[in-house]
Amino acid sequence: MKKKNRKEKNTGSFYDRIAKVYDLSFKVNGYSRSLKNYLKKHMPPLPSNAKVLDAGCGTGLLSTTLLKTLSHPLEITALDLSSSSLKKAQDAIKKHLGRYDKVHFMQGNVLSLPFEDNTFDMVMTSGALEYVSLEKGLEEMARVLVPEGYLMLLPVHPSPASKMLEVMFRFKAHPPHEIRIKTNRYFKVVNHYRFPPIDPIGWTKTVLLAQKI
């Protein structure tokens, strides 16, 4: 794994400091419930024991929700820059493991994923690409996906509310048109979902489900 640059170190140490607050914010805002409803209706056809990468896993919300939703076993790799967030993720995810599920935890950077080409059946990511080059992040995620593998991308939707989040969590939301253009360079979008306004996260999040070209 390549040596972290200063920006990566700052991002990781920042989330080390706020991991508890970050984790609590997701527990009280209904994000998990909204995501579970989405997965029940729009989950792509993954094989049993599918290999899934949670890229920039934070405190493990995407992985735990996926494990609670799917009935067949998965092999999940949860990766994040922040060691404190990874510890939170480890505690949360292991509570929802089925008998045949497998989970691995790794500290790493989404721009230099420590995996071979064509490793994963699905990559899911939320709140990670807002800290890095969108182009490079998508290219790297496409690299580690198997042909026709799936990307589940939950970008932050720019809005007045997200401006506050950008200040709190030190990120920058990418414009929707830029996300569409750059996603289409590596993937074919099969579903573009917007959470309903009545959902707790409807004003912030959308989901792009795309398949590697």
N, C-alpha and C. Protein backbone atom coordinates (compact mmCIF):
# COMPACT_ATOMS: atom_id res chain seq x y z
N MET A 1 0.85 -1.18 0.00
CA MET A 1 0.00 0.00 0.00
C MET A 1 0.89 1.24 0.00
N LYS A 2 0.54 2.20 -0.86
CA LYS A 2 1.44 3.34 -0.95
C LYS A 2 1.34 4.23 0.27
N LYS A 3 2.37 5.00 0.51
CA LYS A 3 2.44 5.88 1.66
C LYS A 3 1.39 6.97 1.58
N LYS A 4 0.73 7.25 2.69
CA LYS A 4 -0.31 8.28 2.70
C LYS A 4 0.30 9.66 2.53
N ASN A 5 -0.40 10.52 1.72
CA ASN A 5 0.03 11.91 1.65
C ASN A 5 -0.60 12.70 2.78
N ARG A 6 -0.27 14.01 2.87
CA ARG A 6 -0.71 14.82 4.00
C ARG A 6 -2.23 14.92 4.07
N LYS A 7 -2.88 15.09 2.90
CA LYS A 7 -4.34 15.22 2.88
C LYS A 7 -5.00 13.95 3.38
N GLU A 8 -4.48 12.79 2.97
CA GLU A 8 -5.04 11.52 3.42
C GLU A 8 -4.89 11.38 4.93
N LYS A 9 -3.72 11.73 5.46
CA LYS A 9 -3.50 11.63 6.89
C LYS A 9 -4.45 12.54 7.64
N ASN A 10 -4.65 13.79 7.14
CA ASN A 10 -5.54 14.73 7.80
C ASN A 10 -6.97 14.22 7.81
N THR A 11 -7.40 13.65 6.68
CA THR A 11 -8.76 13.12 6.60
C THR A 11 -8.94 11.97 7.58
N GLY A 12 -7.98 11.05 7.60
CA GLY A 12 -8.07 9.92 8.51
C GLY A 12 -8.07 10.35 9.96
N SER A 13 -7.17 11.25 10.34
CA SER A 13 -7.09 11.69 11.73
C SER A 13 -8.32 12.49 12.12
N PHE A 14 -8.90 13.25 11.18
CA PHE A 14 -10.12 14.00 11.47
C PHE A 14 -11.25 13.04 11.85
N TYR A 15 -11.43 11.99 11.07
CA TYR A 15 -12.48 11.02 11.37
C TYR A 15 -12.14 10.18 12.60
N ASP A 16 -10.88 10.00 12.90
CA ASP A 16 -10.52 9.35 14.16
C ASP A 16 -11.07 10.16 15.33
N ARG A 17 -11.02 11.49 15.22
CA ARG A 17 -11.47 12.35 16.31
C ARG A 17 -12.99 12.40 16.44
N ILE A 18 -13.71 12.29 15.32
CA ILE A 18 -15.16 12.48 15.37
C ILE A 18 -15.95 11.19 15.14
N ALA A 19 -15.29 10.05 15.19
CA ALA A 19 -15.96 8.78 14.86
C ALA A 19 -17.23 8.57 15.68
N LYS A 20 -17.20 8.91 16.98
CA LYS A 20 -18.37 8.69 17.83
C LYS A 20 -19.53 9.58 17.40
N VAL A 21 -19.24 10.85 17.11
CA VAL A 21 -20.29 11.78 16.68
C VAL A 21 -20.85 11.36 15.33
N TYR A 22 -19.97 10.98 14.42
CA TYR A 22 -20.36 10.55 13.08
C TYR A 22 -21.27 9.32 13.16
N ASP A 23 -20.89 8.37 14.00
CA ASP A 23 -21.68 7.16 14.17
C ASP A 23 -23.05 7.48 14.75
N LEU A 24 -23.09 8.34 15.75
CA LEU A 24 -24.36 8.69 16.40
C LEU A 24 -25.29 9.41 15.44
N SER A 25 -24.73 10.26 14.58
CA SER A 25 -25.57 11.03 13.65
C SER A 25 -26.35 10.10 12.71
N PHE A 26 -25.73 9.00 12.29
CA PHE A 26 -26.41 8.07 11.40
C PHE A 26 -27.44 7.22 12.16
N LYS A 27 -27.21 6.98 13.44
CA LYS A 27 -28.14 6.17 14.22
C LYS A 27 -29.45 6.91 14.49
N VAL A 28 -29.39 8.23 14.54
CA VAL A 28 -30.58 9.00 14.90
C VAL A 28 -31.29 9.61 13.71
N ASN A 29 -30.69 9.59 12.51
CA ASN A 29 -31.33 10.30 11.40
C ASN A 29 -32.14 9.40 10.46
N GLY A 30 -32.25 8.13 10.74
CA GLY A 30 -33.08 7.26 9.92
C GLY A 30 -32.44 6.78 8.64
N TYR A 31 -31.15 7.04 8.47
CA TYR A 31 -30.44 6.67 7.24
C TYR A 31 -30.53 5.17 6.99
N SER A 32 -30.30 4.38 8.03
CA SER A 32 -30.30 2.93 7.87
C SER A 32 -31.65 2.41 7.40
N ARG A 33 -32.73 2.94 7.95
CA ARG A 33 -34.07 2.51 7.56
C ARG A 33 -34.34 2.82 6.08
N SER A 34 -33.97 4.03 5.65
CA SER A 34 -34.17 4.42 4.26
C SER A 34 -33.35 3.53 3.33
N LEU A 35 -32.12 3.25 3.72
CA LEU A 35 -31.25 2.42 2.89
C LEU A 35 -31.76 0.99 2.81
N LYS A 36 -32.27 0.46 3.91
CA LYS A 36 -32.79 -0.90 3.92
C LYS A 36 -33.99 -1.02 2.99
N ASN A 37 -34.86 -0.02 2.99
CA ASN A 37 -36.01 -0.03 2.08
C ASN A 37 -35.56 -0.01 0.63
N TYR A 38 -34.51 0.75 0.34
CA TYR A 38 -33.98 0.78 -1.02
C TYR A 38 -33.43 -0.58 -1.43
N LEU A 39 -32.64 -1.19 -0.57
CA LEU A 39 -32.01 -2.47 -0.90
C LEU A 39 -33.04 -3.57 -1.13
N LYS A 40 -34.13 -3.55 -0.39
CA LYS A 40 -35.17 -4.56 -0.56
C LYS A 40 -35.77 -4.51 -1.97
N LYS A 41 -35.81 -3.31 -2.55
CA LYS A 41 -36.48 -3.14 -3.85
C LYS A 41 -35.51 -3.13 -5.03
N HIS A 42 -34.25 -2.74 -4.80
CA HIS A 42 -33.36 -2.47 -5.93
C HIS A 42 -32.03 -3.21 -5.85
N MET A 43 -31.92 -4.20 -4.98
CA MET A 43 -30.65 -4.90 -4.86
C MET A 43 -30.31 -5.64 -6.15
N PRO A 44 -29.11 -5.49 -6.69
CA PRO A 44 -28.74 -6.21 -7.92
C PRO A 44 -28.59 -7.69 -7.65
N PRO A 45 -28.64 -8.52 -8.69
CA PRO A 45 -28.59 -9.98 -8.52
C PRO A 45 -27.18 -10.48 -8.22
N LEU A 46 -26.82 -10.48 -6.95
CA LEU A 46 -25.49 -10.95 -6.55
C LEU A 46 -25.52 -12.45 -6.27
N PRO A 47 -24.44 -13.15 -6.60
CA PRO A 47 -24.39 -14.59 -6.31
C PRO A 47 -24.21 -14.84 -4.82
N SER A 48 -24.51 -16.05 -4.39
CA SER A 48 -24.22 -16.44 -3.02
C SER A 48 -22.72 -16.35 -2.78
N ASN A 49 -22.33 -15.86 -1.60
CA ASN A 49 -20.92 -15.64 -1.24
C ASN A 49 -20.27 -14.58 -2.12
N ALA A 50 -21.07 -13.65 -2.62
CA ALA A 50 -20.54 -12.54 -3.43
C ALA A 50 -19.50 -11.76 -2.63
N LYS A 51 -18.47 -11.31 -3.32
CA LYS A 51 -17.44 -10.48 -2.69
C LYS A 51 -17.82 -9.01 -2.86
N VAL A 52 -17.99 -8.32 -1.73
CA VAL A 52 -18.45 -6.93 -1.72
C VAL A 52 -17.41 -6.07 -1.02
N LEU A 53 -17.08 -4.94 -1.64
CA LEU A 53 -16.18 -3.96 -1.03
C LEU A 53 -17.00 -2.75 -0.57
N ASP A 54 -16.89 -2.44 0.71
CA ASP A 54 -17.46 -1.21 1.27
C ASP A 54 -16.32 -0.20 1.31
N ALA A 55 -16.23 0.64 0.27
CA ALA A 55 -15.08 1.53 0.08
C ALA A 55 -15.32 2.85 0.80
N GLY A 56 -14.52 3.10 1.85
CA GLY A 56 -14.76 4.25 2.71
C GLY A 56 -15.92 3.92 3.63
N CYS A 57 -15.79 2.84 4.38
CA CYS A 57 -16.92 2.26 5.11
C CYS A 57 -17.38 3.09 6.29
N GLY A 58 -16.55 4.05 6.74
CA GLY A 58 -16.93 4.82 7.91
C GLY A 58 -17.15 3.91 9.10
N THR A 59 -18.29 4.08 9.77
CA THR A 59 -18.58 3.26 10.95
C THR A 59 -19.41 2.03 10.62
N GLY A 60 -19.52 1.69 9.32
CA GLY A 60 -20.07 0.40 8.92
C GLY A 60 -21.54 0.35 8.58
N LEU A 61 -22.16 1.51 8.34
CA LEU A 61 -23.60 1.53 8.13
C LEU A 61 -24.03 0.79 6.87
N LEU A 62 -23.33 0.99 5.75
CA LEU A 62 -23.71 0.30 4.52
C LEU A 62 -23.60 -1.22 4.68
N SER A 63 -22.51 -1.68 5.25
CA SER A 63 -22.30 -3.12 5.41
C SER A 63 -23.32 -3.74 6.34
N THR A 64 -23.60 -3.10 7.48
CA THR A 64 -24.56 -3.67 8.42
C THR A 64 -25.96 -3.71 7.80
N THR A 65 -26.33 -2.68 7.05
CA THR A 65 -27.65 -2.67 6.42
C THR A 65 -27.75 -3.75 5.36
N LEU A 66 -26.68 -3.95 4.60
CA LEU A 66 -26.66 -5.00 3.58
C LEU A 66 -26.81 -6.37 4.22
N LEU A 67 -26.10 -6.61 5.31
CA LEU A 67 -26.18 -7.90 5.99
C LEU A 67 -27.57 -8.14 6.58
N LYS A 68 -28.21 -7.10 7.05
CA LYS A 68 -29.56 -7.24 7.61
C LYS A 68 -30.60 -7.46 6.53
N THR A 69 -30.30 -7.06 5.29
CA THR A 69 -31.29 -7.12 4.22
C THR A 69 -31.23 -8.43 3.44
N LEU A 70 -30.02 -8.89 3.11
CA LEU A 70 -29.87 -10.08 2.27
C LEU A 70 -29.91 -11.36 3.09
N SER A 71 -30.49 -12.39 2.50
CA SER A 71 -30.60 -13.67 3.21
C SER A 71 -29.45 -14.62 2.88
N HIS A 72 -28.82 -14.47 1.69
CA HIS A 72 -27.73 -15.38 1.35
C HIS A 72 -26.39 -14.81 1.83
N PRO A 73 -25.40 -15.68 2.06
CA PRO A 73 -24.14 -15.25 2.66
C PRO A 73 -23.32 -14.34 1.75
N LEU A 74 -22.55 -13.46 2.38
CA LEU A 74 -21.69 -12.51 1.68
C LEU A 74 -20.28 -12.57 2.24
N GLU A 75 -19.34 -12.10 1.43
CA GLU A 75 -17.98 -11.86 1.91
C GLU A 75 -17.70 -10.38 1.71
N ILE A 76 -17.62 -9.64 2.81
CA ILE A 76 -17.48 -8.19 2.75
C ILE A 76 -16.10 -7.77 3.19
N THR A 77 -15.51 -6.83 2.46
CA THR A 77 -14.29 -6.16 2.89
C THR A 77 -14.64 -4.71 3.17
N ALA A 78 -14.45 -4.29 4.41
CA ALA A 78 -14.74 -2.92 4.83
C ALA A 78 -13.42 -2.17 4.94
N LEU A 79 -13.29 -1.10 4.15
CA LEU A 79 -12.03 -0.35 4.07
C LEU A 79 -12.27 1.12 4.39
N ASP A 80 -11.38 1.70 5.20
CA ASP A 80 -11.48 3.12 5.53
C ASP A 80 -10.11 3.64 5.95
N LEU A 81 -9.92 4.95 5.82
CA LEU A 81 -8.68 5.58 6.26
C LEU A 81 -8.58 5.69 7.78
N SER A 82 -9.73 5.83 8.43
CA SER A 82 -9.75 6.11 9.86
C SER A 82 -9.76 4.83 10.69
N SER A 83 -8.78 4.67 11.54
CA SER A 83 -8.70 3.48 12.39
C SER A 83 -9.84 3.46 13.41
N SER A 84 -10.22 4.62 13.93
CA SER A 84 -11.32 4.68 14.90
C SER A 84 -12.64 4.30 14.25
N SER A 85 -12.86 4.79 13.02
CA SER A 85 -14.08 4.43 12.31
C SER A 85 -14.11 2.93 12.02
N LEU A 86 -12.97 2.36 11.66
CA LEU A 86 -12.89 0.92 11.40
C LEU A 86 -13.23 0.11 12.65
N LYS A 87 -12.78 0.58 13.80
CA LYS A 87 -13.11 -0.12 15.05
C LYS A 87 -14.61 -0.08 15.30
N LYS A 88 -15.23 1.07 15.08
CA LYS A 88 -16.69 1.18 15.21
C LYS A 88 -17.39 0.25 14.22
N ALA A 89 -16.88 0.23 12.98
CA ALA A 89 -17.46 -0.62 11.94
C ALA A 89 -17.35 -2.09 12.33
N GLN A 90 -16.20 -2.47 12.86
CA GLN A 90 -15.98 -3.86 13.26
C GLN A 90 -16.99 -4.28 14.33
N ASP A 91 -17.20 -3.42 15.31
CA ASP A 91 -18.14 -3.74 16.38
C ASP A 91 -19.56 -3.86 15.84
N ALA A 92 -19.93 -2.96 14.90
CA ALA A 92 -21.30 -2.94 14.38
C ALA A 92 -21.55 -4.09 13.42
N ILE A 93 -20.64 -4.32 12.50
CA ILE A 93 -20.86 -5.31 11.45
C ILE A 93 -20.92 -6.72 12.01
N LYS A 94 -20.06 -7.02 12.97
CA LYS A 94 -20.00 -8.39 13.48
C LYS A 94 -21.27 -8.80 14.21
N LYS A 95 -22.06 -7.83 14.65
CA LYS A 95 -23.32 -8.15 15.31
C LYS A 95 -24.35 -8.71 14.33
N HIS A 96 -24.13 -8.47 13.04
CA HIS A 96 -25.12 -8.85 12.05
C HIS A 96 -24.62 -9.93 11.09
N LEU A 97 -23.51 -10.53 11.40
CA LEU A 97 -22.98 -11.59 10.55
C LEU A 97 -23.82 -12.85 10.67
N GLY A 98 -24.15 -13.45 9.53
CA GLY A 98 -24.79 -14.75 9.53
C GLY A 98 -23.74 -15.84 9.71
N ARG A 99 -24.19 -17.05 9.80
CA ARG A 99 -23.29 -18.17 10.07
C ARG A 99 -22.21 -18.31 9.00
N TYR A 100 -22.57 -18.05 7.75
CA TYR A 100 -21.61 -18.27 6.65
C TYR A 100 -21.07 -16.97 6.06
N ASP A 101 -21.43 -15.85 6.63
CA ASP A 101 -20.87 -14.58 6.16
C ASP A 101 -19.40 -14.46 6.58
N LYS A 102 -18.65 -13.70 5.79
CA LYS A 102 -17.26 -13.41 6.12
C LYS A 102 -17.05 -11.90 6.02
N VAL A 103 -16.19 -11.37 6.87
CA VAL A 103 -15.92 -9.93 6.83
C VAL A 103 -14.44 -9.69 7.12
N HIS A 104 -13.87 -8.75 6.36
CA HIS A 104 -12.48 -8.36 6.54
C HIS A 104 -12.44 -6.84 6.72
N PHE A 105 -11.54 -6.38 7.57
CA PHE A 105 -11.40 -4.95 7.82
C PHE A 105 -10.00 -4.51 7.43
N MET A 106 -9.92 -3.41 6.67
CA MET A 106 -8.62 -2.93 6.20
C MET A 106 -8.58 -1.41 6.25
N GLN A 107 -7.42 -0.89 6.64
CA GLN A 107 -7.21 0.55 6.59
C GLN A 107 -6.56 0.86 5.24
N GLY A 108 -7.16 1.79 4.49
CA GLY A 108 -6.63 2.07 3.16
C GLY A 108 -7.34 3.23 2.49
N ASN A 109 -6.86 3.56 1.32
CA ASN A 109 -7.27 4.74 0.56
C ASN A 109 -8.05 4.32 -0.67
N VAL A 110 -9.19 4.97 -0.93
CA VAL A 110 -10.02 4.60 -2.08
C VAL A 110 -9.34 4.91 -3.41
N LEU A 111 -8.30 5.72 -3.40
CA LEU A 111 -7.60 6.03 -4.64
C LEU A 111 -6.48 5.04 -4.95
N SER A 112 -6.17 4.17 -4.01
CA SER A 112 -5.15 3.13 -4.26
C SER A 112 -5.58 1.87 -3.52
N LEU A 113 -6.65 1.28 -3.99
CA LEU A 113 -7.22 0.11 -3.33
C LEU A 113 -6.23 -1.07 -3.38
N PRO A 114 -5.97 -1.70 -2.24
CA PRO A 114 -4.94 -2.76 -2.17
C PRO A 114 -5.48 -4.13 -2.60
N PHE A 115 -6.05 -4.16 -3.81
CA PHE A 115 -6.64 -5.39 -4.32
C PHE A 115 -6.27 -5.57 -5.79
N GLU A 116 -6.31 -6.83 -6.23
CA GLU A 116 -6.05 -7.13 -7.63
C GLU A 116 -7.23 -6.66 -8.50
N ASP A 117 -6.98 -6.55 -9.80
CA ASP A 117 -8.06 -6.26 -10.74
C ASP A 117 -9.11 -7.36 -10.66
N ASN A 118 -10.36 -6.99 -10.94
CA ASN A 118 -11.46 -7.96 -11.06
C ASN A 118 -11.63 -8.83 -9.81
N THR A 119 -11.65 -8.18 -8.64
CA THR A 119 -11.74 -8.91 -7.38
C THR A 119 -13.17 -9.00 -6.84
N PHE A 120 -13.96 -7.95 -6.97
CA PHE A 120 -15.23 -7.85 -6.27
C PHE A 120 -16.43 -7.92 -7.22
N ASP A 121 -17.52 -8.50 -6.70
CA ASP A 121 -18.77 -8.54 -7.45
C ASP A 121 -19.53 -7.22 -7.32
N MET A 122 -19.31 -6.52 -6.21
CA MET A 122 -19.95 -5.22 -6.03
C MET A 122 -19.08 -4.33 -5.16
N VAL A 123 -19.02 -3.05 -5.51
CA VAL A 123 -18.40 -2.03 -4.67
C VAL A 123 -19.50 -1.06 -4.27
N MET A 124 -19.61 -0.78 -2.99
CA MET A 124 -20.56 0.23 -2.53
C MET A 124 -19.79 1.31 -1.79
N THR A 125 -20.24 2.55 -1.97
CA THR A 125 -19.52 3.65 -1.35
C THR A 125 -20.44 4.83 -1.10
N SER A 126 -20.26 5.45 0.04
CA SER A 126 -21.05 6.63 0.42
C SER A 126 -20.17 7.55 1.26
N GLY A 127 -20.09 8.81 0.85
CA GLY A 127 -19.35 9.78 1.64
C GLY A 127 -17.84 9.67 1.55
N ALA A 128 -17.32 8.95 0.55
CA ALA A 128 -15.87 8.80 0.40
C ALA A 128 -15.35 9.57 -0.80
N LEU A 129 -16.05 9.49 -1.93
CA LEU A 129 -15.56 10.16 -3.14
C LEU A 129 -15.63 11.67 -3.03
N GLU A 130 -16.36 12.18 -2.06
CA GLU A 130 -16.43 13.64 -1.85
C GLU A 130 -15.12 14.20 -1.30
N TYR A 131 -14.22 13.32 -0.88
CA TYR A 131 -12.92 13.76 -0.34
C TYR A 131 -11.80 13.65 -1.36
N VAL A 132 -12.08 13.09 -2.53
CA VAL A 132 -11.02 12.78 -3.48
C VAL A 132 -11.44 13.18 -4.89
N SER A 133 -10.54 12.97 -5.83
CA SER A 133 -10.86 13.15 -7.24
C SER A 133 -11.94 12.15 -7.64
N LEU A 134 -13.07 12.64 -8.13
CA LEU A 134 -14.16 11.76 -8.54
C LEU A 134 -13.71 10.84 -9.67
N GLU A 135 -13.01 11.39 -10.64
CA GLU A 135 -12.54 10.61 -11.78
C GLU A 135 -11.65 9.46 -11.34
N LYS A 136 -10.66 9.77 -10.51
CA LYS A 136 -9.71 8.75 -10.08
C LYS A 136 -10.37 7.71 -9.17
N GLY A 137 -11.29 8.17 -8.34
CA GLY A 137 -11.97 7.24 -7.46
C GLY A 137 -12.83 6.24 -8.21
N LEU A 138 -13.58 6.73 -9.20
CA LEU A 138 -14.42 5.84 -10.00
C LEU A 138 -13.58 4.88 -10.83
N GLU A 139 -12.48 5.39 -11.37
CA GLU A 139 -11.59 4.53 -12.16
C GLU A 139 -11.03 3.39 -11.31
N GLU A 140 -10.64 3.70 -10.08
CA GLU A 140 -10.06 2.69 -9.20
C GLU A 140 -11.12 1.66 -8.78
N MET A 141 -12.33 2.11 -8.53
CA MET A 141 -13.39 1.18 -8.17
C MET A 141 -13.76 0.27 -9.34
N ALA A 142 -13.75 0.83 -10.55
CA ALA A 142 -14.01 0.00 -11.72
C ALA A 142 -12.91 -1.05 -11.89
N ARG A 143 -11.69 -0.69 -11.56
CA ARG A 143 -10.56 -1.61 -11.72
C ARG A 143 -10.75 -2.88 -10.90
N VAL A 144 -11.23 -2.73 -9.66
CA VAL A 144 -11.30 -3.90 -8.77
C VAL A 144 -12.60 -4.69 -8.93
N LEU A 145 -13.51 -4.20 -9.77
CA LEU A 145 -14.75 -4.92 -10.02
C LEU A 145 -14.56 -5.97 -11.12
N VAL A 146 -15.27 -7.08 -10.99
CA VAL A 146 -15.29 -8.07 -12.06
C VAL A 146 -16.05 -7.49 -13.24
N PRO A 147 -15.84 -7.99 -14.46
CA PRO A 147 -16.64 -7.54 -15.60
C PRO A 147 -18.13 -7.68 -15.30
N GLU A 148 -18.87 -6.62 -15.56
CA GLU A 148 -20.31 -6.53 -15.30
C GLU A 148 -20.63 -6.52 -13.80
N GLY A 149 -19.60 -6.29 -12.97
CA GLY A 149 -19.85 -6.11 -11.54
C GLY A 149 -20.56 -4.80 -11.29
N TYR A 150 -21.09 -4.65 -10.08
CA TYR A 150 -21.94 -3.50 -9.76
C TYR A 150 -21.25 -2.48 -8.86
N LEU A 151 -21.54 -1.22 -9.15
CA LEU A 151 -21.16 -0.11 -8.27
C LEU A 151 -22.44 0.46 -7.68
N MET A 152 -22.50 0.54 -6.35
CA MET A 152 -23.60 1.22 -5.68
C MET A 152 -23.03 2.49 -5.06
N LEU A 153 -23.33 3.61 -5.68
CA LEU A 153 -22.76 4.90 -5.29
C LEU A 153 -23.85 5.78 -4.69
N LEU A 154 -23.62 6.23 -3.47
CA LEU A 154 -24.54 7.16 -2.81
C LEU A 154 -23.84 8.50 -2.66
N PRO A 155 -23.91 9.35 -3.69
CA PRO A 155 -23.24 10.65 -3.61
C PRO A 155 -24.06 11.62 -2.77
N VAL A 156 -23.39 12.59 -2.19
CA VAL A 156 -24.10 13.65 -1.47
C VAL A 156 -24.73 14.57 -2.50
N HIS A 157 -26.03 14.78 -2.39
CA HIS A 157 -26.74 15.66 -3.32
C HIS A 157 -26.59 17.10 -2.86
N PRO A 158 -25.98 17.97 -3.68
CA PRO A 158 -25.79 19.37 -3.25
C PRO A 158 -27.12 20.04 -2.93
N SER A 159 -27.16 20.67 -1.78
CA SER A 159 -28.37 21.34 -1.32
C SER A 159 -27.97 22.30 -0.21
N PRO A 160 -28.87 23.19 0.20
CA PRO A 160 -28.55 24.05 1.35
C PRO A 160 -28.16 23.27 2.59
N ALA A 161 -28.85 22.14 2.81
CA ALA A 161 -28.53 21.32 3.98
C ALA A 161 -27.15 20.69 3.86
N SER A 162 -26.79 20.26 2.64
CA SER A 162 -25.48 19.62 2.47
C SER A 162 -24.34 20.61 2.67
N LYS A 163 -24.62 21.89 2.45
CA LYS A 163 -23.58 22.90 2.70
C LYS A 163 -23.13 22.86 4.16
N MET A 164 -24.10 22.67 5.05
CA MET A 164 -23.77 22.56 6.47
C MET A 164 -22.94 21.32 6.74
N LEU A 165 -23.32 20.21 6.09
CA LEU A 165 -22.57 18.97 6.27
C LEU A 165 -21.15 19.09 5.74
N GLU A 166 -20.99 19.82 4.63
CA GLU A 166 -19.66 20.03 4.07
C GLU A 166 -18.74 20.71 5.07
N VAL A 167 -19.29 21.68 5.79
CA VAL A 167 -18.49 22.38 6.81
C VAL A 167 -18.20 21.45 7.99
N MET A 168 -19.22 20.72 8.43
CA MET A 168 -19.06 19.84 9.60
C MET A 168 -18.05 18.73 9.34
N PHE A 169 -18.13 18.11 8.14
CA PHE A 169 -17.33 16.92 7.86
C PHE A 169 -16.22 17.16 6.84
N ARG A 170 -16.01 18.41 6.46
CA ARG A 170 -14.85 18.82 5.65
C ARG A 170 -14.76 18.11 4.30
N PHE A 171 -15.87 18.04 3.59
CA PHE A 171 -15.86 17.46 2.25
C PHE A 171 -16.46 18.44 1.26
N LYS A 172 -16.51 18.06 -0.01
CA LYS A 172 -17.12 18.88 -1.05
C LYS A 172 -17.94 17.99 -1.97
N ALA A 173 -19.25 18.24 -2.02
CA ALA A 173 -20.12 17.45 -2.88
C ALA A 173 -19.83 17.73 -4.35
N HIS A 174 -19.83 16.69 -5.16
CA HIS A 174 -19.61 16.85 -6.59
C HIS A 174 -20.94 17.20 -7.27
N PRO A 175 -20.93 18.09 -8.27
CA PRO A 175 -22.16 18.43 -8.99
C PRO A 175 -22.76 17.19 -9.65
N PRO A 176 -24.09 17.06 -9.64
CA PRO A 176 -24.74 15.87 -10.22
C PRO A 176 -24.37 15.60 -11.67
N HIS A 177 -24.24 16.66 -12.49
CA HIS A 177 -23.90 16.44 -13.90
C HIS A 177 -22.49 15.86 -14.04
N GLU A 178 -21.59 16.27 -13.15
CA GLU A 178 -20.22 15.73 -13.18
C GLU A 178 -20.23 14.25 -12.79
N ILE A 179 -21.03 13.90 -11.80
CA ILE A 179 -21.14 12.50 -11.38
C ILE A 179 -21.66 11.64 -12.52
N ARG A 180 -22.69 12.11 -13.23
CA ARG A 180 -23.26 11.35 -14.33
C ARG A 180 -22.24 11.13 -15.44
N ILE A 181 -21.56 12.21 -15.83
CA ILE A 181 -20.60 12.14 -16.94
C ILE A 181 -19.46 11.19 -16.61
N LYS A 182 -18.89 11.33 -15.42
CA LYS A 182 -17.72 10.53 -15.07
C LYS A 182 -18.08 9.08 -14.74
N THR A 183 -19.26 8.87 -14.20
CA THR A 183 -19.70 7.49 -13.97
C THR A 183 -19.85 6.77 -15.30
N ASN A 184 -20.39 7.45 -16.29
CA ASN A 184 -20.63 6.84 -17.61
C ASN A 184 -19.35 6.49 -18.35
N ARG A 185 -18.21 6.97 -17.89
CA ARG A 185 -16.93 6.62 -18.53
C ARG A 185 -16.51 5.20 -18.20
N TYR A 186 -16.97 4.70 -17.07
CA TYR A 186 -16.52 3.39 -16.62
C TYR A 186 -17.68 2.41 -16.41
N PHE A 187 -18.90 2.93 -16.34
CA PHE A 187 -20.04 2.11 -15.98
C PHE A 187 -21.25 2.43 -16.86
N LYS A 188 -22.20 1.50 -16.85
CA LYS A 188 -23.51 1.72 -17.42
C LYS A 188 -24.50 1.85 -16.27
N VAL A 189 -25.14 2.99 -16.13
CA VAL A 189 -26.09 3.21 -15.04
C VAL A 189 -27.36 2.39 -15.32
N VAL A 190 -27.73 1.54 -14.37
CA VAL A 190 -28.93 0.71 -14.55
C VAL A 190 -30.10 1.20 -13.70
N ASN A 191 -29.81 2.02 -12.71
CA ASN A 191 -30.88 2.59 -11.89
C ASN A 191 -30.36 3.85 -11.21
N HIS A 192 -31.13 4.94 -11.32
CA HIS A 192 -30.80 6.18 -10.62
C HIS A 192 -31.96 6.51 -9.71
N TYR A 193 -31.75 6.32 -8.43
CA TYR A 193 -32.83 6.41 -7.44
C TYR A 193 -32.64 7.64 -6.56
N ARG A 194 -33.73 8.35 -6.33
CA ARG A 194 -33.73 9.48 -5.41
C ARG A 194 -34.62 9.14 -4.23
N PHE A 195 -34.07 9.19 -3.03
CA PHE A 195 -34.88 8.92 -1.86
C PHE A 195 -36.05 9.90 -1.78
N PRO A 196 -37.25 9.44 -1.45
CA PRO A 196 -38.41 10.33 -1.37
C PRO A 196 -38.18 11.44 -0.35
N PRO A 197 -38.77 12.61 -0.59
CA PRO A 197 -38.59 13.74 0.34
C PRO A 197 -39.00 13.42 1.77
N ILE A 198 -39.94 12.48 1.93
CA ILE A 198 -40.38 12.15 3.29
C ILE A 198 -39.36 11.29 4.03
N ASP A 199 -38.43 10.69 3.29
CA ASP A 199 -37.38 9.92 3.94
C ASP A 199 -36.44 10.87 4.69
N PRO A 200 -35.88 10.42 5.83
CA PRO A 200 -34.99 11.29 6.59
C PRO A 200 -33.79 11.79 5.79
N ILE A 201 -33.34 11.00 4.81
CA ILE A 201 -32.17 11.43 4.04
C ILE A 201 -32.55 11.85 2.62
N GLY A 202 -33.86 12.06 2.37
CA GLY A 202 -34.30 12.41 1.02
C GLY A 202 -33.71 13.71 0.50
N TRP A 203 -33.40 14.62 1.38
CA TRP A 203 -32.87 15.91 0.95
C TRP A 203 -31.36 15.87 0.71
N THR A 204 -30.74 14.73 1.01
CA THR A 204 -29.29 14.67 0.91
C THR A 204 -28.79 13.65 -0.10
N LYS A 205 -29.43 12.49 -0.21
CA LYS A 205 -28.82 11.38 -0.91
C LYS A 205 -29.60 10.88 -2.09
N THR A 206 -28.87 10.41 -3.08
CA THR A 206 -29.42 9.63 -4.18
C THR A 206 -28.59 8.35 -4.26
N VAL A 207 -29.03 7.39 -5.07
CA VAL A 207 -28.27 6.18 -5.27
C VAL A 207 -28.11 5.95 -6.78
N LEU A 208 -26.88 5.79 -7.22
CA LEU A 208 -26.60 5.36 -8.58
C LEU A 208 -26.18 3.89 -8.53
N LEU A 209 -26.95 3.04 -9.18
CA LEU A 209 -26.57 1.64 -9.33
C LEU A 209 -26.09 1.47 -10.76
N ALA A 210 -24.82 1.09 -10.90
CA ALA A 210 -24.21 1.02 -12.22
C ALA A 210 -23.44 -0.28 -12.39
N GLN A 211 -23.30 -0.70 -13.63
CA GLN A 211 -22.62 -1.95 -13.95
C GLN A 211 -21.36 -1.64 -14.75
N LYS A 212 -20.25 -2.31 -14.39
CA LYS A 212 -18.98 -2.08 -15.06
C LYS A 212 -19.07 -2.42 -16.54
N ILE A 213 -18.61 -1.51 -17.37
CA ILE A 213 -18.61 -1.72 -18.82
C ILE A 213 -17.58 -2.77 -19.17
